[in-house]
């Protein structure tokens, strides 16, 4: 009945009719008169169907009586509610009473029940674990519980997500293989046990498993994608070639888009993953400084990948430095710190400076970073690890290239 204003014909006194109640009350979690081991009950409803009246809130009461009228105290302004944790019992009811925006309470309530909470006479299974993952299959096992026990397997894509039963009925062995999986996905599993009377235990603690990738192929994993080297020397790029899935065929490698003056060598051009290969770039000493972008291409059976690499080429013979350098030590010895210092021109304070130190007999340079001080000077320490002649190059953020500014001779 809609709320409104009525007239008492005997007394002639106006009165407010407050028989407005929530509509379509239902439970998405439980079924009336059907026992469940879920100890909290969810309910939801629609607002009262009244004309020109807004609802301020609701009083919600859970008890064991079918027709209780809740007290005049707002419990929620939403059209849903969850019961407190309930003990075992078969006579739970919920009562919902509405209040409008004028502060008037309905004189009747909506009721729903009875609901039953009952713990099963079946223990939950123990020992759930992932026994194997292979291809598109995840295998589960757990402890055997005895005769006349059936098992149920539930799966979710989140640990605390919604678990859906994924096994066939009457699973009698303590194992299950899930073959309905997508590659490279994480799945969560719980299990329960049921007896011959149809009672189902509580769910076990979850376990997770990540399915294998269904992709078959290989990948290139370079240790470095960018290198810097002086013209006249050789740059080295170590690369791992790893299989994806169960790929087992040969792979052929070559290099494309490389500067025509640079020759490359691969210690293995045809290989079977997993494998390790080294790419060598032989840089002519006549090649001017610059950056070279190129790719390593790998082709196998029905699969191809490309890996982009880059090379910064330094050639001090083609440029003149604006950086000075000096050695503070009168005598240079191996394993004794050498102080390199100097300044940049034009003067600049707090400029980033990168020093490149190369032994004439070693392809692996040493890079050191520093900053200019308030007089545009700089200094850094270098510890020689071997005898020979060291060439020292440097650049600062105002330069495009490394530029030679001197050489250090070690006297042992």
Protein backbone atom coordinates (compact mmCIF):
# COMPACT_ATOMS: atom_id res chain seq x y z
CA UNK A 1 0.00 0.00 0.00
CA UNK A 2 1.37 3.44 -0.88
CA UNK A 3 1.87 5.91 1.92
CA UNK A 4 -0.35 8.97 1.93
CA UNK A 5 -2.87 11.06 3.83
CA UNK A 6 -6.19 9.44 4.86
CA UNK A 7 -9.26 10.76 6.68
CA UNK A 8 -10.98 9.02 9.58
CA UNK A 9 -14.70 9.56 8.74
CA UNK A 10 -15.84 8.96 12.30
CA UNK A 11 -13.53 11.41 13.99
CA UNK A 12 -12.74 13.70 11.07
CA UNK A 13 -9.06 13.59 12.07
CA UNK A 14 -6.36 13.26 9.38
CA UNK A 15 -3.76 10.44 9.77
CA UNK A 16 -0.58 9.35 8.01
CA UNK A 17 -0.61 5.89 6.38
CA UNK A 18 2.90 4.39 6.69
CA UNK A 19 2.42 0.92 5.26
CA UNK A 20 5.41 1.12 2.87
CA UNK A 21 7.72 -1.89 2.83
CA UNK A 22 10.80 -3.04 0.87
CA UNK A 23 10.00 -5.07 -2.23
CA UNK A 24 11.37 -8.29 -3.79
CA UNK A 25 13.54 -9.29 -0.85
CA UNK A 26 15.79 -12.26 -1.69
CA UNK A 27 19.09 -13.94 -0.81
CA UNK A 28 21.79 -14.48 -3.46
CA UNK A 29 23.80 -16.70 -1.09
CA UNK A 30 21.22 -19.02 0.51
CA UNK A 31 17.98 -20.83 -0.30
CA UNK A 32 15.17 -20.90 2.23
CA UNK A 33 14.83 -24.17 4.16
CA UNK A 34 18.01 -25.56 2.50
CA UNK A 35 20.93 -25.95 4.89
CA UNK A 36 24.26 -24.34 4.04
CA UNK A 37 27.65 -24.27 5.75
CA UNK A 38 28.04 -20.60 4.84
CA UNK A 39 27.67 -18.87 8.20
CA UNK A 40 26.77 -15.43 6.80
CA UNK A 41 23.64 -14.76 4.76
CA UNK A 42 23.48 -12.08 2.06
CA UNK A 43 20.18 -10.39 1.24
CA UNK A 44 19.09 -7.68 -1.16
CA UNK A 45 15.82 -5.90 -1.93
CA UNK A 46 14.18 -3.10 -3.90
CA UNK A 47 12.99 0.20 -2.47
CA UNK A 48 9.33 0.48 -1.43
CA UNK A 49 7.03 1.28 -4.32
CA UNK A 50 5.60 4.56 -3.04
CA UNK A 51 4.59 7.74 -4.82
CA UNK A 52 6.41 11.00 -4.13
CA UNK A 53 8.26 9.67 -1.08
CA UNK A 54 12.03 9.21 -0.72
CA UNK A 55 13.48 6.51 1.51
CA UNK A 56 16.08 7.60 4.07
CA UNK A 57 17.20 4.15 5.23
CA UNK A 58 16.31 0.79 6.70
CA UNK A 59 16.36 -1.07 10.00
CA UNK A 60 17.54 -4.67 9.50
CA UNK A 61 17.10 -7.35 12.15
CA UNK A 62 18.16 -11.01 12.18
CA UNK A 63 16.44 -13.38 14.65
CA UNK A 64 14.50 -16.64 14.93
CA UNK A 65 10.98 -15.22 14.66
CA UNK A 66 9.05 -14.96 11.36
CA UNK A 67 7.26 -11.62 11.98
CA UNK A 68 9.41 -9.35 14.14
CA UNK A 69 9.16 -5.58 13.60
CA UNK A 70 12.66 -4.04 13.89
CA UNK A 71 13.23 -1.11 16.23
CA UNK A 72 13.21 2.42 14.84
CA UNK A 73 16.96 2.66 14.28
CA UNK A 74 18.61 2.94 10.87
CA UNK A 75 20.95 0.04 10.09
CA UNK A 76 21.80 0.87 6.48
CA UNK A 77 20.90 3.19 3.63
CA UNK A 78 21.77 0.52 1.04
CA UNK A 79 19.38 -2.06 -0.38
CA UNK A 80 21.55 -4.99 0.70
CA UNK A 81 22.82 -6.48 3.93
CA UNK A 82 24.92 -9.36 5.24
CA UNK A 83 24.04 -11.12 8.45
CA UNK A 84 26.49 -11.46 11.34
CA UNK A 85 28.25 -14.82 11.62
CA UNK A 86 25.53 -17.26 12.64
CA UNK A 87 25.88 -20.52 14.59
CA UNK A 88 24.26 -23.74 13.45
CA UNK A 89 20.50 -23.49 13.35
CA UNK A 90 17.52 -23.97 11.03
CA UNK A 91 15.28 -21.06 11.97
CA UNK A 92 16.90 -17.76 10.90
CA UNK A 93 14.78 -14.86 9.62
CA UNK A 94 15.59 -11.36 8.42
CA UNK A 95 13.27 -8.37 8.87
CA UNK A 96 13.57 -5.05 7.02
CA UNK A 97 11.75 -1.87 7.97
CA UNK A 98 11.94 1.41 6.04
CA UNK A 99 12.00 5.08 7.07
CA UNK A 100 11.17 7.91 4.67
CA UNK A 101 12.91 11.26 4.27
CA UNK A 102 10.41 12.88 6.66
CA UNK A 103 11.48 10.60 9.51
CA UNK A 104 8.37 8.41 9.40
CA UNK A 105 8.90 4.70 9.98
CA UNK A 106 6.81 2.07 8.23
CA UNK A 107 4.48 0.31 10.66
CA UNK A 108 5.13 -3.05 9.00
CA UNK A 109 8.30 -4.82 7.81
CA UNK A 110 9.36 -7.19 5.06
CA UNK A 111 10.39 -10.69 6.21
CA UNK A 112 12.38 -13.54 4.66
CA UNK A 113 13.19 -17.01 6.00
CA UNK A 114 13.68 -19.51 7.42
CA UNK A 115 17.35 -20.09 6.60
CA UNK A 116 19.39 -23.02 7.83
CA UNK A 117 23.06 -23.04 8.87
CA UNK A 118 24.52 -26.50 9.32
CA UNK A 119 28.08 -27.77 9.29
CA UNK A 120 28.47 -31.02 7.35
CA UNK A 121 29.46 -34.29 8.97
CA UNK A 122 32.37 -34.48 6.52
CA UNK A 123 35.87 -33.24 7.20
CA UNK A 124 37.57 -31.06 4.62
CA UNK A 125 40.25 -32.82 2.53
CA UNK A 126 43.90 -32.36 3.43
CA UNK A 127 47.17 -32.28 1.52
CA UNK A 128 46.05 -30.51 -1.65
CA UNK A 129 49.07 -29.79 -3.86
CA UNK A 130 50.06 -29.36 -7.50
CA UNK A 131 51.75 -32.59 -8.56
CA UNK A 132 52.65 -31.69 -12.14
CA UNK A 133 52.35 -28.96 -14.78
CA UNK A 134 52.92 -29.92 -18.38
CA UNK A 135 51.71 -28.45 -21.64
CA UNK A 136 48.08 -27.42 -21.20
CA UNK A 137 47.48 -29.53 -18.07
CA UNK A 138 47.64 -28.89 -14.32
CA UNK A 139 47.58 -32.00 -12.12
CA UNK A 140 46.34 -31.91 -8.51
CA UNK A 141 46.56 -34.51 -5.75
CA UNK A 142 45.48 -34.74 -2.09
CA UNK A 143 45.10 -37.28 0.72
CA UNK A 144 42.63 -40.16 0.41
CA UNK A 145 39.76 -39.90 2.91
CA UNK A 146 38.18 -43.37 2.82
CA UNK A 147 35.20 -45.12 1.28
CA UNK A 148 31.90 -43.50 0.22
CA UNK A 149 33.57 -40.12 -0.15
CA UNK A 150 33.37 -38.01 -3.29
CA UNK A 151 35.58 -35.03 -4.06
CA UNK A 152 34.81 -31.64 -5.57
CA UNK A 153 37.37 -29.36 -7.23
CA UNK A 154 36.80 -25.60 -7.49
CA UNK A 155 38.86 -23.14 -9.51
CA UNK A 156 39.31 -19.36 -9.60
CA UNK A 157 41.63 -16.91 -11.36
CA UNK A 158 42.20 -15.06 -8.06
CA UNK A 159 43.06 -16.31 -4.59
CA UNK A 160 40.10 -14.54 -3.00
CA UNK A 161 37.92 -14.65 -6.09
CA UNK A 162 34.79 -16.67 -6.89
CA UNK A 163 35.53 -20.41 -7.13
CA UNK A 164 33.61 -22.46 -9.71
CA UNK A 165 33.32 -26.25 -9.63
CA UNK A 166 35.40 -27.60 -12.50
CA UNK A 167 35.47 -31.39 -12.03
CA UNK A 168 32.98 -34.08 -13.16
CA UNK A 169 30.47 -35.49 -10.68
CA UNK A 170 31.41 -38.37 -8.36
CA UNK A 171 35.16 -37.84 -8.38
CA UNK A 172 36.29 -40.77 -6.24
CA UNK A 173 40.09 -40.68 -6.54
CA UNK A 174 42.15 -38.05 -4.69
CA UNK A 175 43.49 -36.55 -7.89
CA UNK A 176 42.34 -34.33 -10.72
CA UNK A 177 43.83 -33.09 -14.00
CA UNK A 178 42.65 -29.71 -15.24
CA UNK A 179 43.12 -29.61 -19.01
CA UNK A 180 40.91 -26.58 -19.60
CA UNK A 181 43.66 -24.02 -19.03
CA UNK A 182 45.13 -21.12 -20.97
CA UNK A 183 48.88 -20.88 -21.33
CA UNK A 184 50.86 -18.66 -18.97
CA UNK A 185 47.93 -18.12 -16.57
CA UNK A 186 47.76 -18.50 -12.79
CA UNK A 187 44.89 -20.55 -11.40
CA UNK A 188 43.78 -21.11 -7.80
CA UNK A 189 42.19 -24.35 -6.58
CA UNK A 190 40.19 -25.49 -3.54
CA UNK A 191 38.64 -28.89 -2.89
CA UNK A 192 35.88 -30.29 -0.72
CA UNK A 193 34.54 -33.73 0.16
CA UNK A 194 30.96 -35.04 0.02
CA UNK A 195 29.43 -38.08 1.69
CA UNK A 196 26.74 -40.44 0.42
CA UNK A 197 24.04 -38.24 1.98
CA UNK A 198 25.11 -35.31 -0.18
CA UNK A 199 26.66 -33.32 2.64
CA UNK A 200 29.64 -31.28 1.48
CA UNK A 201 32.59 -30.31 3.65
CA UNK A 202 34.11 -26.90 3.98
CA UNK A 203 36.58 -25.92 1.28
CA UNK A 204 40.27 -26.59 1.75
CA UNK A 205 42.97 -23.94 1.78
CA UNK A 206 43.79 -22.81 -1.78
CA UNK A 207 46.80 -23.75 -3.87
CA UNK A 208 47.97 -21.99 -7.03
CA UNK A 209 49.58 -23.10 -10.27
CA UNK A 210 50.80 -21.25 -13.34
CA UNK A 211 50.17 -23.06 -16.59
CA UNK A 212 52.94 -23.41 -19.10
CA UNK A 213 53.02 -21.17 -22.12
CA UNK A 214 51.41 -22.81 -25.13
CA UNK A 215 53.64 -20.79 -27.43
CA UNK A 216 56.41 -22.77 -29.12
CA UNK A 217 59.49 -20.96 -30.37
CA UNK A 218 62.61 -19.29 -29.01
CA UNK A 219 63.90 -15.94 -27.75
CA UNK A 220 67.11 -13.92 -27.99
CA UNK A 221 68.49 -12.53 -24.72
CA UNK A 222 71.56 -10.32 -25.24
CA UNK A 223 73.65 -9.50 -22.18
CA UNK A 224 73.91 -5.92 -23.51
CA UNK A 225 71.87 -4.21 -26.21
CA UNK A 226 74.15 -1.16 -26.43
CA UNK A 227 77.93 -0.91 -26.55
CA UNK A 228 80.60 1.73 -27.11
CA UNK A 229 83.89 0.95 -28.84
CA UNK A 230 86.85 2.74 -30.44
CA UNK A 231 87.37 2.53 -34.19
CA UNK A 232 90.00 -0.10 -34.96
CA UNK A 233 88.85 -2.43 -32.16
CA UNK A 234 86.18 -5.14 -31.86
CA UNK A 235 82.82 -4.95 -30.05
CA UNK A 236 81.45 -8.14 -28.45
CA UNK A 237 77.75 -8.97 -27.88
CA UNK A 238 77.11 -12.20 -25.91
CA UNK A 239 73.60 -13.54 -26.67
CA UNK A 240 71.58 -16.40 -25.18
CA UNK A 241 69.15 -18.30 -27.42
CA UNK A 242 66.49 -19.95 -25.24
CA UNK A 243 63.61 -22.21 -26.30
CA UNK A 244 59.96 -21.39 -25.58
CA UNK A 245 57.72 -24.34 -24.85
CA UNK A 246 59.00 -27.59 -26.35
CA UNK A 247 60.82 -26.06 -29.32
CA UNK A 248 63.68 -28.35 -30.41
CA UNK A 249 64.59 -27.44 -34.00
CA UNK A 250 67.69 -25.60 -35.23
CA UNK A 251 67.92 -21.81 -35.39
CA UNK A 252 69.90 -19.79 -37.92
CA UNK A 253 71.29 -16.34 -37.08
CA UNK A 254 72.50 -13.39 -39.11
CA UNK A 255 72.83 -9.61 -38.82
CA UNK A 256 70.98 -6.98 -40.87
CA UNK A 257 71.10 -3.17 -41.20
CA UNK A 258 74.74 -3.05 -40.09
CA UNK A 259 77.09 -0.38 -41.47
CA UNK A 260 78.65 -1.74 -44.66
CA UNK A 261 82.19 -1.02 -43.41
CA UNK A 262 81.70 -3.13 -40.26
CA UNK A 263 82.27 -6.87 -40.55
CA UNK A 264 80.53 -9.25 -38.17
CA UNK A 265 81.35 -12.75 -36.95
CA UNK A 266 79.16 -15.30 -35.14
CA UNK A 267 80.94 -18.17 -33.42
CA UNK A 268 77.76 -20.19 -34.12
CA UNK A 269 75.49 -19.31 -37.01
CA UNK A 270 73.33 -22.44 -36.80
CA UNK A 271 72.50 -23.73 -33.33
CA UNK A 272 69.95 -25.68 -31.30
CA UNK A 273 68.43 -23.85 -28.29
CA UNK A 274 69.32 -23.51 -25.51
CA UNK A 275 72.63 -22.12 -26.71
CA UNK A 276 75.09 -19.29 -26.20
CA UNK A 277 76.53 -17.28 -29.08
CA UNK A 278 78.89 -14.30 -29.34
CA UNK A 279 78.52 -11.64 -32.01
CA UNK A 280 81.74 -9.77 -32.86
CA UNK A 281 81.76 -6.48 -34.77
CA UNK A 282 85.12 -5.59 -36.33
CA UNK A 283 85.28 -1.79 -36.60
CA UNK A 284 87.75 -0.32 -39.13
CA UNK A 285 89.99 2.46 -37.79
CA UNK A 286 88.94 4.69 -40.70
CA UNK A 287 85.26 4.72 -39.66
CA UNK A 288 84.13 8.07 -38.30
CA UNK A 289 82.48 8.35 -34.92
CA UNK A 290 78.74 7.85 -34.74
CA UNK A 291 75.92 5.53 -33.72
CA UNK A 292 74.93 2.41 -35.64
CA UNK A 293 71.60 0.61 -35.15
CA UNK A 294 71.28 -2.95 -36.41
CA UNK A 295 69.39 -6.20 -35.77
CA UNK A 296 70.16 -9.84 -35.10
CA UNK A 297 67.62 -12.03 -36.92
CA UNK A 298 66.92 -15.61 -35.84
CA UNK A 299 64.83 -17.96 -37.99
CA UNK A 300 63.75 -21.44 -37.04
CA UNK A 301 60.95 -23.84 -37.83
CA UNK A 302 57.80 -21.70 -38.31
CA UNK A 303 59.20 -19.04 -35.99
CA UNK A 304 61.27 -15.87 -36.35
CA UNK A 305 62.46 -13.21 -33.92
CA UNK A 306 64.53 -10.03 -34.20
CA UNK A 307 66.66 -8.30 -31.59
CA UNK A 308 67.68 -4.65 -31.99
CA UNK A 309 71.22 -3.68 -30.93
CA UNK A 310 73.22 -0.47 -31.10
CA UNK A 311 76.88 0.56 -31.24
CA UNK A 312 78.49 3.92 -30.43
CA UNK A 313 81.71 4.28 -32.40
CA UNK A 314 84.48 6.52 -31.03
CA UNK A 315 87.25 7.76 -33.31
CA UNK A 316 89.45 10.42 -31.67
CA UNK A 317 91.47 10.91 -34.86
CA UNK A 318 88.55 12.78 -36.41
CA UNK A 319 87.92 15.26 -33.61
CA UNK A 320 89.79 17.71 -31.41
CA UNK A 321 89.16 17.80 -27.69
CA UNK A 322 88.04 20.79 -25.65
CA UNK A 323 89.06 18.95 -22.47
CA UNK A 324 92.51 19.06 -20.90
CA UNK A 325 93.98 16.31 -18.73
CA UNK A 326 97.00 15.84 -16.51
CA UNK A 327 98.46 13.19 -14.23
CA UNK A 328 99.28 14.26 -10.70
CA UNK A 329 101.54 11.31 -9.82
CA UNK A 330 105.21 11.69 -10.74
CA UNK A 331 105.58 7.95 -11.16
CA UNK A 332 102.75 5.62 -12.21
CA UNK A 333 102.67 2.06 -10.89
CA UNK A 334 100.28 -0.85 -11.30
CA UNK A 335 97.54 -1.10 -8.62
CA UNK A 336 98.45 2.39 -7.33
CA UNK A 337 95.78 5.12 -7.79
CA UNK A 338 96.48 7.64 -10.53
CA UNK A 339 94.81 11.04 -10.26
CA UNK A 340 93.57 12.40 -13.58
CA UNK A 341 92.57 16.05 -13.57
CA UNK A 342 91.93 18.86 -15.97
CA UNK A 343 89.32 21.35 -17.14
CA UNK A 344 86.90 21.97 -19.98
CA UNK A 345 86.66 24.87 -22.38
CA UNK A 346 84.57 26.90 -22.61
CA UNK A 347 84.20 27.08 -18.82
CA UNK A 348 81.18 25.40 -17.31
CA UNK A 349 80.33 24.61 -13.69
CA UNK A 350 78.72 21.28 -12.65
CA UNK A 351 79.00 19.82 -16.13
CA UNK A 352 78.69 16.03 -16.44
CA UNK A 353 81.91 14.45 -17.63
CA UNK A 354 82.54 10.89 -18.83
CA UNK A 355 86.12 9.56 -19.03
CA UNK A 356 86.94 6.54 -21.19
CA UNK A 357 90.20 4.69 -20.36
CA UNK A 358 91.43 2.03 -22.80
CA UNK A 359 94.52 -0.19 -22.48
CA UNK A 360 96.09 -0.77 -25.88
CA UNK A 361 96.07 -4.55 -25.31
CA UNK A 362 92.54 -4.83 -23.90
CA UNK A 363 89.18 -4.53 -25.72
CA UNK A 364 87.29 -3.77 -22.50
CA UNK A 365 87.37 -0.05 -21.64
CA UNK A 366 86.85 1.53 -18.24
CA UNK A 367 84.20 4.26 -17.98
CA UNK A 368 84.22 6.79 -15.15
CA UNK A 369 81.77 9.60 -14.46
CA UNK A 370 82.50 12.89 -12.69
CA UNK A 371 81.42 16.56 -12.54
CA UNK A 372 83.26 19.83 -13.04
CA UNK A 373 83.72 22.06 -10.00
CA UNK A 374 83.11 25.80 -9.64
CA UNK A 375 86.25 26.55 -11.67
CA UNK A 376 85.27 24.18 -14.51
CA UNK A 377 87.93 21.73 -13.36
CA UNK A 378 87.58 18.06 -12.53
CA UNK A 379 89.57 15.21 -11.04
CA UNK A 380 89.16 11.46 -10.60
CA UNK A 381 91.21 8.44 -9.54
CA UNK A 382 92.05 5.46 -11.73
CA UNK A 383 93.84 2.29 -10.60
CA UNK A 384 95.80 0.57 -13.43
CA UNK A 385 95.34 -3.20 -13.31
CA UNK A 386 97.94 -4.14 -15.92
CA UNK A 387 101.05 -2.77 -17.59
CA UNK A 388 101.02 -1.09 -20.95
CA UNK A 389 99.94 2.16 -22.51
CA UNK A 390 96.54 3.58 -21.63
CA UNK A 391 94.73 5.99 -23.90
CA UNK A 392 92.33 8.31 -22.15
CA UNK A 393 89.33 9.86 -23.88
CA UNK A 394 86.55 11.98 -22.51
CA UNK A 395 83.41 13.85 -23.35
CA UNK A 396 81.18 16.26 -21.52
CA UNK A 397 77.55 17.10 -22.09
CA UNK A 398 78.48 19.88 -24.50
CA UNK A 399 80.29 17.42 -26.81
CA UNK A 400 78.83 14.87 -29.19
CA UNK A 401 81.82 12.51 -29.29
CA UNK A 402 84.65 11.18 -27.19
CA UNK A 403 87.83 13.15 -27.76
CA UNK A 404 91.42 12.19 -27.05
CA UNK A 405 93.30 14.31 -24.55
CA UNK A 406 96.34 12.23 -23.65
CA UNK A 407 97.93 8.90 -22.89
CA UNK A 408 99.27 7.35 -19.69
CA UNK A 409 102.39 5.15 -19.66
CA UNK A 410 102.76 2.76 -16.77
CA UNK A 411 106.28 2.15 -15.43
CA UNK A 412 106.57 -1.00 -13.35
